[in-house]
C-alpha cells in the first residue's frame, strides 16, 4: 500500500461530502486513516490505538504541502460561506496535492476530514448526534494540538478551533465558552486582514457573516 492509495481515498471522502452523502464520507475518511496507518507502520512503525502518532514534518516538503496551501486548493466563491446564522461552520473537506510527500500534513488533513464527516453526520442524525459530535470534537482537538508548531497553518488553526467550539456548543457542554471563542477568532481574523491574506479570508466569509447576524437586533427587541 502506498501514499497514493491514501490520497485517492481522501478524494473519495471529498466526493461523498460534495454529494452530501455524509455517512459514506465518514466511512471513507476512517478508511483513509486506516490506510495511512498501514503505510506509516510499514515505513515508520508508528501507531497508537486507532489514531496515528503525528510524524515529524519532512524537511524537504514542497510549499504545496503546507496545510493552508492544501486548503486553498478548494475554490470558495464569493458569499458561498455566508450562511445567515449566528454560528459559522467550515464545511469543506481538505484536498491533498497529488504529489504530497509530507506525512505530517497528510495526517492532519485526514484527521480534519474525518472530524468534519462526523460533525456533518451529527447534524443529519439527530438521534445519535451527541455520539458523533463527541467523536468530531476528539478529532478536531487532536488536529489542533498536533498542528501548533507547523508553519503556514493560520487558516487551518482558525477553522479547527472554530469547528471544535461549535461542536462543544452543539453538545451543550460548554455554552459559556462560545463568546470567548468568537472573541479569540475575531482577533485572529484581524491579524489575517492586517497581513493581507486575501485568499485565506475568502474561506472565512461565513464567519464574518455570522458576526453580522449575531449582532442584528431580534424582532422581539425591535
C-alpha atoms as a PDB file:
ATOM      1  CA  UNK A   1       0.000   0.000   0.000  1.00  0.00           C
ATOM      2  CA  UNK A   2       1.344   3.448  -0.932  1.00  0.00           C
ATOM      3  CA  UNK A   3       0.661   7.053  -0.047  1.00  0.00           C
ATOM      4  CA  UNK A   4      -1.134   7.377  -3.387  1.00  0.00           C
ATOM      5  CA  UNK A   5      -3.771   4.961  -2.072  1.00  0.00           C
ATOM      6  CA  UNK A   6      -4.310   7.309   0.862  1.00  0.00           C
ATOM      7  CA  UNK A   7      -4.606  10.327  -1.454  1.00  0.00           C
ATOM      8  CA  UNK A   8      -7.166   8.509  -3.606  1.00  0.00           C
ATOM      9  CA  UNK A   9      -9.182   7.516  -0.543  1.00  0.00           C
ATOM     10  CA  UNK A  10      -9.213  11.159   0.561  1.00  0.00           C
ATOM     11  CA  UNK A  11     -10.526  12.142  -2.881  1.00  0.00           C
ATOM     12  CA  UNK A  12     -13.365   9.675  -2.365  1.00  0.00           C
ATOM     13  CA  UNK A  13     -14.165  11.236   1.009  1.00  0.00           C
ATOM     14  CA  UNK A  14     -14.343  14.686  -0.586  1.00  0.00           C
ATOM     15  CA  UNK A  15     -16.591  13.394  -3.374  1.00  0.00           C
ATOM     16  CA  UNK A  16     -19.024  11.918  -0.833  1.00  0.00           C
ATOM     17  CA  UNK A  17     -19.135  15.188   1.107  1.00  0.00           C
ATOM     18  CA  UNK A  18     -19.778  17.204  -2.046  1.00  0.00           C
ATOM     19  CA  UNK A  19     -22.660  14.828  -2.782  1.00  0.00           C
ATOM     20  CA  UNK A  20     -23.908  15.364   0.805  1.00  0.00           C
ATOM     21  CA  UNK A  21     -23.548  11.642   1.490  1.00  0.00           C
ATOM     22  CA  UNK A  22     -22.031  12.339   4.876  1.00  0.00           C
ATOM     23  CA  UNK A  23     -22.217   8.829   6.305  1.00  0.00           C
ATOM     24  CA  UNK A  24     -20.340   7.377   3.311  1.00  0.00           C
ATOM     25  CA  UNK A  25     -17.816  10.191   3.755  1.00  0.00           C
ATOM     26  CA  UNK A  26     -17.405   9.169   7.394  1.00  0.00           C
ATOM     27  CA  UNK A  27     -16.691   5.563   6.407  1.00  0.00           C
ATOM     28  CA  UNK A  28     -14.330   6.712   3.657  1.00  0.00           C
ATOM     29  CA  UNK A  29     -12.443   9.082   5.964  1.00  0.00           C
ATOM     30  CA  UNK A  30     -11.969   6.294   8.502  1.00  0.00           C
ATOM     31  CA  UNK A  31     -10.638   4.061   5.725  1.00  0.00           C
ATOM     32  CA  UNK A  32      -8.207   6.806   4.694  1.00  0.00           C
ATOM     33  CA  UNK A  33      -6.827   6.979   8.237  1.00  0.00           C
ATOM     34  CA  UNK A  34      -6.519   3.196   8.354  1.00  0.00           C
ATOM     35  CA  UNK A  35      -4.664   3.227   5.029  1.00  0.00           C
ATOM     36  CA  UNK A  36      -2.291   5.888   6.294  1.00  0.00           C
ATOM     37  CA  UNK A  37      -1.686   3.938   9.476  1.00  0.00           C
ATOM     38  CA  UNK A  38      -0.743   0.885   7.399  1.00  0.00           C
ATOM     39  CA  UNK A  39       1.633   2.948   5.259  1.00  0.00           C
ATOM     40  CA  UNK A  40       3.070   4.627   8.351  1.00  0.00           C
ATOM     41  CA  UNK A  41       3.597   1.292  10.106  1.00  0.00           C
ATOM     42  CA  UNK A  42       5.413  -0.046   7.073  1.00  0.00           C
ATOM     43  CA  UNK A  43       7.653   2.988   6.628  1.00  0.00           C
ATOM     44  CA  UNK A  44       7.983   4.357  10.165  1.00  0.00           C
ATOM     45  CA  UNK A  45       6.458   1.837  12.551  1.00  0.00           C
ATOM     46  CA  UNK A  46       4.388   4.446  14.368  1.00  0.00           C
ATOM     47  CA  UNK A  47       0.864   3.875  15.619  1.00  0.00           C
ATOM     48  CA  UNK A  48      -1.149   4.198  18.793  1.00  0.00           C
ATOM     49  CA  UNK A  49      -4.613   2.729  19.213  1.00  0.00           C
ATOM     50  CA  UNK A  50      -6.868   3.819  16.397  1.00  0.00           C
ATOM     51  CA  UNK A  51      -5.119   7.190  15.930  1.00  0.00           C
ATOM     52  CA  UNK A  52      -1.771   7.953  14.364  1.00  0.00           C
ATOM     53  CA  UNK A  53       1.221   9.386  16.155  1.00  0.00           C
ATOM     54  CA  UNK A  54       1.941  12.522  14.170  1.00  0.00           C
ATOM     55  CA  UNK A  55       5.231  12.089  12.290  1.00  0.00           C
ATOM     56  CA  UNK A  56       7.751  14.900  12.027  1.00  0.00           C
ATOM     57  CA  UNK A  57       7.357  17.260   9.097  1.00  0.00           C
ATOM     58  CA  UNK A  58       9.512  16.341   6.125  1.00  0.00           C
ATOM     59  CA  UNK A  59      12.256  18.967   5.795  1.00  0.00           C
ATOM     60  CA  UNK A  60      12.214  18.540   2.003  1.00  0.00           C
ATOM     61  CA  UNK A  61       8.475  19.130   1.719  1.00  0.00           C
ATOM     62  CA  UNK A  62       7.203  21.345  -1.067  1.00  0.00           C
ATOM     63  CA  UNK A  63       5.403  24.601  -0.163  1.00  0.00           C
ATOM     64  CA  UNK A  64       2.392  22.979  -1.861  1.00  0.00           C
ATOM     65  CA  UNK A  65       2.324  20.508   1.044  1.00  0.00           C
ATOM     66  CA  UNK A  66       1.651  23.247   3.629  1.00  0.00           C
ATOM     67  CA  UNK A  67      -1.680  22.896   5.425  1.00  0.00           C
ATOM     68  CA  UNK A  68      -3.084  26.254   4.372  1.00  0.00           C
ATOM     69  CA  UNK A  69      -1.940  25.720   0.801  1.00  0.00           C
ATOM     70  CA  UNK A  70      -3.857  22.426   0.695  1.00  0.00           C
ATOM     71  CA  UNK A  71      -6.969  24.271   1.869  1.00  0.00           C
ATOM     72  CA  UNK A  72      -6.533  26.975  -0.754  1.00  0.00           C
ATOM     73  CA  UNK A  73      -6.897  24.353  -3.495  1.00  0.00           C
ATOM     74  CA  UNK A  74     -10.626  24.467  -2.674  1.00  0.00           C
ATOM     75  CA  UNK A  75     -12.159  27.350  -4.611  1.00  0.00           C
ATOM     76  CA  UNK A  76     -14.572  29.363  -2.485  1.00  0.00           C
ATOM     77  CA  UNK A  77     -16.969  31.528  -4.461  1.00  0.00           C
ATOM     78  CA  UNK A  78     -17.970  34.980  -3.267  1.00  0.00           C
ATOM     79  CA  UNK A  79     -20.559  34.726  -0.462  1.00  0.00           C
ATOM     80  CA  UNK A  80     -20.547  30.915  -0.659  1.00  0.00           C
ATOM     81  CA  UNK A  81     -19.741  30.549   3.041  1.00  0.00           C
ATOM     82  CA  UNK A  82     -22.144  33.211   4.273  1.00  0.00           C
ATOM     83  CA  UNK A  83     -24.859  31.174   5.912  1.00  0.00           C
ATOM     84  CA  UNK A  84     -27.091  33.784   7.589  1.00  0.00           C
ATOM     85  CA  UNK A  85     -26.894  32.131  11.006  1.00  0.00           C
ATOM     86  CA  UNK A  86     -25.274  33.123  14.279  1.00  0.00           C
ATOM     87  CA  UNK A  87     -22.708  30.327  14.089  1.00  0.00           C
ATOM     88  CA  UNK A  88     -20.179  29.545  11.386  1.00  0.00           C
ATOM     89  CA  UNK A  89     -19.065  26.050  10.437  1.00  0.00           C
ATOM     90  CA  UNK A  90     -16.264  25.424   7.970  1.00  0.00           C
ATOM     91  CA  UNK A  91     -17.684  22.528   5.971  1.00  0.00           C
ATOM     92  CA  UNK A  92     -15.151  21.988   3.173  1.00  0.00           C
ATOM     93  CA  UNK A  93     -13.032  18.838   3.253  1.00  0.00           C
ATOM     94  CA  UNK A  94      -9.351  19.481   2.550  1.00  0.00           C
ATOM     95  CA  UNK A  95      -7.800  18.024  -0.630  1.00  0.00           C
ATOM     96  CA  UNK A  96      -4.262  16.656  -0.828  1.00  0.00           C
ATOM     97  CA  UNK A  97      -1.845  17.597  -3.626  1.00  0.00           C
ATOM     98  CA  UNK A  98      -1.233  14.626  -5.969  1.00  0.00           C
ATOM     99  CA  UNK A  99       2.495  14.562  -5.193  1.00  0.00           C
ATOM    100  CA  UNK A 100       2.347  15.289  -1.463  1.00  0.00           C
ATOM    101  CA  UNK A 101       5.147  13.603   0.478  1.00  0.00           C
ATOM    102  CA  UNK A 102       4.782  15.179   3.906  1.00  0.00           C
ATOM    103  CA  UNK A 103       3.287  12.698   6.356  1.00  0.00           C
ATOM    104  CA  UNK A 104       2.519  15.367   8.965  1.00  0.00           C
ATOM    105  CA  UNK A 105       0.371  17.318   6.521  1.00  0.00           C
ATOM    106  CA  UNK A 106      -1.347  14.182   5.214  1.00  0.00           C
ATOM    107  CA  UNK A 107      -2.128  13.018   8.747  1.00  0.00           C
ATOM    108  CA  UNK A 108      -3.615  16.351   9.818  1.00  0.00           C
ATOM    109  CA  UNK A 109      -5.698  16.667   6.652  1.00  0.00           C
ATOM    110  CA  UNK A 110      -7.145  13.180   7.114  1.00  0.00           C
ATOM    111  CA  UNK A 111      -7.893  13.784  10.791  1.00  0.00           C
ATOM    112  CA  UNK A 112      -9.679  17.055   9.966  1.00  0.00           C
ATOM    113  CA  UNK A 113     -11.706  15.452   7.184  1.00  0.00           C
ATOM    114  CA  UNK A 114     -12.723  12.601   9.495  1.00  0.00           C
ATOM    115  CA  UNK A 115     -13.749  15.133  12.147  1.00  0.00           C
ATOM    116  CA  UNK A 116     -15.757  17.097   9.585  1.00  0.00           C
ATOM    117  CA  UNK A 117     -17.517  13.952   8.357  1.00  0.00           C
ATOM    118  CA  UNK A 118     -18.512  13.039  11.928  1.00  0.00           C
ATOM    119  CA  UNK A 119     -19.680  16.616  12.525  1.00  0.00           C
ATOM    120  CA  UNK A 120     -21.855  16.663   9.407  1.00  0.00           C
ATOM    121  CA  UNK A 121     -23.329  13.232  10.178  1.00  0.00           C
ATOM    122  CA  UNK A 122     -24.225  14.563  13.638  1.00  0.00           C
ATOM    123  CA  UNK A 123     -26.195  17.361  12.009  1.00  0.00           C
ATOM    124  CA  UNK A 124     -28.137  14.836   9.906  1.00  0.00           C
ATOM    125  CA  UNK A 125     -28.616  12.098  12.513  1.00  0.00           C
ATOM    126  CA  UNK A 126     -30.325  13.937  15.356  1.00  0.00           C
ATOM    127  CA  UNK A 127     -30.953  10.750  17.338  1.00  0.00           C
ATOM    128  CA  UNK A 128     -27.242   9.921  17.611  1.00  0.00           C
ATOM    129  CA  UNK A 129     -25.852  13.432  17.215  1.00  0.00           C
ATOM    130  CA  UNK A 130     -24.174  13.551  20.622  1.00  0.00           C
ATOM    131  CA  UNK A 131     -22.093  10.457  19.853  1.00  0.00           C
ATOM    132  CA  UNK A 132     -20.892  11.835  16.521  1.00  0.00           C
ATOM    133  CA  UNK A 133     -20.275  15.315  17.933  1.00  0.00           C
ATOM    134  CA  UNK A 134     -18.069  13.927  20.698  1.00  0.00           C
ATOM    135  CA  UNK A 135     -16.021  11.980  18.179  1.00  0.00           C
ATOM    136  CA  UNK A 136     -15.766  15.063  15.954  1.00  0.00           C
ATOM    137  CA  UNK A 137     -14.590  17.112  18.926  1.00  0.00           C
ATOM    138  CA  UNK A 138     -11.972  14.484  19.788  1.00  0.00           C
ATOM    139  CA  UNK A 139     -10.601  14.503  16.246  1.00  0.00           C
ATOM    140  CA  UNK A 140     -10.678  18.306  15.909  1.00  0.00           C
ATOM    141  CA  UNK A 141      -8.794  18.613  19.199  1.00  0.00           C
ATOM    142  CA  UNK A 142      -6.175  16.126  18.052  1.00  0.00           C
ATOM    143  CA  UNK A 143      -5.720  18.062  14.797  1.00  0.00           C
ATOM    144  CA  UNK A 144      -5.491  21.407  16.599  1.00  0.00           C
ATOM    145  CA  UNK A 145      -2.989  20.274  19.215  1.00  0.00           C
ATOM    146  CA  UNK A 146      -0.845  18.494  16.639  1.00  0.00           C
ATOM    147  CA  UNK A 147      -0.643  21.444  14.242  1.00  0.00           C
ATOM    148  CA  UNK A 148       0.535  24.119  16.679  1.00  0.00           C
ATOM    149  CA  UNK A 149       4.179  24.003  15.562  1.00  0.00           C
ATOM    150  CA  UNK A 150       3.603  23.563  11.834  1.00  0.00           C
ATOM    151  CA  UNK A 151       4.249  26.538   9.573  1.00  0.00           C
ATOM    152  CA  UNK A 152       1.690  28.112   7.220  1.00  0.00           C
ATOM    153  CA  UNK A 153      -1.298  26.881   9.186  1.00  0.00           C
ATOM    154  CA  UNK A 154      -3.174  30.058  10.209  1.00  0.00           C
ATOM    155  CA  UNK A 155      -6.287  29.181   8.220  1.00  0.00           C
ATOM    156  CA  UNK A 156      -6.198  25.555   9.363  1.00  0.00           C
ATOM    157  CA  UNK A 157      -5.936  26.510  13.041  1.00  0.00           C
ATOM    158  CA  UNK A 158      -8.767  29.018  12.645  1.00  0.00           C
ATOM    159  CA  UNK A 159     -11.272  26.581  11.165  1.00  0.00           C
ATOM    160  CA  UNK A 160     -10.337  23.736  13.525  1.00  0.00           C
ATOM    161  CA  UNK A 161     -10.664  25.998  16.571  1.00  0.00           C
ATOM    162  CA  UNK A 162     -13.990  27.314  15.272  1.00  0.00           C
ATOM    163  CA  UNK A 163     -15.439  23.884  14.491  1.00  0.00           C
ATOM    164  CA  UNK A 164     -14.294  22.478  17.851  1.00  0.00           C
ATOM    165  CA  UNK A 165     -16.043  25.277  19.713  1.00  0.00           C
ATOM    166  CA  UNK A 166     -19.155  24.803  17.570  1.00  0.00           C
ATOM    167  CA  UNK A 167     -19.225  21.078  18.377  1.00  0.00           C
ATOM    168  CA  UNK A 168     -18.981  21.993  22.067  1.00  0.00           C
ATOM    169  CA  UNK A 169     -21.883  24.395  21.686  1.00  0.00           C
ATOM    170  CA  UNK A 170     -23.991  21.788  19.879  1.00  0.00           C
ATOM    171  CA  UNK A 171     -23.253  19.157  22.529  1.00  0.00           C
ATOM    172  CA  UNK A 172     -24.393  21.679  25.119  1.00  0.00           C
ATOM    173  CA  UNK A 173     -21.382  21.111  27.359  1.00  0.00           C
ATOM    174  CA  UNK A 174     -19.689  24.468  27.152  1.00  0.00           C
ATOM    175  CA  UNK A 175     -22.077  27.199  26.029  1.00  0.00           C
ATOM    176  CA  UNK A 176     -20.344  29.888  28.076  1.00  0.00           C
ATOM    177  CA  UNK A 177     -17.109  29.442  26.136  1.00  0.00           C
ATOM    178  CA  UNK A 178     -18.673  30.269  22.759  1.00  0.00           C
ATOM    179  CA  UNK A 179     -18.410  34.047  23.172  1.00  0.00           C
ATOM    180  CA  UNK A 180     -14.797  33.700  24.326  1.00  0.00           C
ATOM    181  CA  UNK A 181     -14.105  31.564  21.268  1.00  0.00           C
ATOM    182  CA  UNK A 182     -15.632  34.162  18.951  1.00  0.00           C
ATOM    183  CA  UNK A 183     -13.588  36.931  20.559  1.00  0.00           C
ATOM    184  CA  UNK A 184     -10.409  34.913  20.030  1.00  0.00           C
ATOM    185  CA  UNK A 185     -11.304  34.191  16.411  1.00  0.00           C
ATOM    186  CA  UNK A 186     -12.070  37.857  15.744  1.00  0.00           C
ATOM    187  CA  UNK A 187      -8.559  38.738  16.903  1.00  0.00           C
ATOM    188  CA  UNK A 188      -7.065  36.051  14.648  1.00  0.00           C
ATOM    189  CA  UNK A 189      -9.239  37.238  11.756  1.00  0.00           C
ATOM    190  CA  UNK A 190      -7.948  40.785  12.191  1.00  0.00           C
ATOM    191  CA  UNK A 191      -4.366  39.507  12.113  1.00  0.00           C
ATOM    192  CA  UNK A 192      -5.102  37.791   8.792  1.00  0.00           C
ATOM    193  CA  UNK A 193      -6.635  41.034   7.499  1.00  0.00           C
ATOM    194  CA  UNK A 194      -3.607  43.002   8.642  1.00  0.00           C
ATOM    195  CA  UNK A 195      -1.210  40.593   6.959  1.00  0.00           C
ATOM    196  CA  UNK A 196      -3.121  40.749   3.689  1.00  0.00           C
ATOM    197  CA  UNK A 197      -4.128  37.082   3.481  1.00  0.00           C
ATOM    198  CA  UNK A 198      -6.909  37.747   0.967  1.00  0.00           C
ATOM    199  CA  UNK A 199      -7.164  34.181  -0.326  1.00  0.00           C
ATOM    200  CA  UNK A 200      -7.427  32.801   3.204  1.00  0.00           C
ATOM    201  CA  UNK A 201     -10.068  35.349   4.178  1.00  0.00           C
ATOM    202  CA  UNK A 202     -12.293  34.193   1.322  1.00  0.00           C
ATOM    203  CA  UNK A 203     -12.591  30.863   3.149  1.00  0.00           C
ATOM    204  CA  UNK A 204     -13.847  32.685   6.242  1.00  0.00           C
ATOM    205  CA  UNK A 205     -16.622  34.802   4.709  1.00  0.00           C
ATOM    206  CA  UNK A 206     -19.224  32.870   6.655  1.00  0.00           C
ATOM    207  CA  UNK A 207     -17.523  33.696   9.949  1.00  0.00           C
ATOM    208  CA  UNK A 208     -17.823  37.405   9.230  1.00  0.00           C
ATOM    209  CA  UNK A 209     -21.431  36.913   8.100  1.00  0.00           C
ATOM    210  CA  UNK A 210     -22.291  35.092  11.321  1.00  0.00           C
ATOM    211  CA  UNK A 211     -20.939  38.016  13.350  1.00  0.00           C
ATOM    212  CA  UNK A 212     -23.231  40.388  11.457  1.00  0.00           C
ATOM    213  CA  UNK A 213     -26.262  38.151  12.073  1.00  0.00           C
ATOM    214  CA  UNK A 214     -25.445  37.609  15.752  1.00  0.00           C
ATOM    215  CA  UNK A 215     -25.271  41.375  16.305  1.00  0.00           C
ATOM    216  CA  UNK A 216     -28.505  42.187  14.490  1.00  0.00           C
ATOM    217  CA  UNK A 217     -31.412  43.204  16.748  1.00  0.00           C
ATOM    218  CA  UNK A 218     -34.022  40.480  17.077  1.00  0.00           C
ATOM    219  CA  UNK A 219     -37.616  41.018  16.068  1.00  0.00           C
ATOM    220  CA  UNK A 220     -38.603  40.947  19.724  1.00  0.00           C
ATOM    221  CA  UNK A 221     -36.111  43.653  20.575  1.00  0.00           C
ATOM    222  CA  UNK A 222     -37.417  45.775  17.716  1.00  0.00           C
END
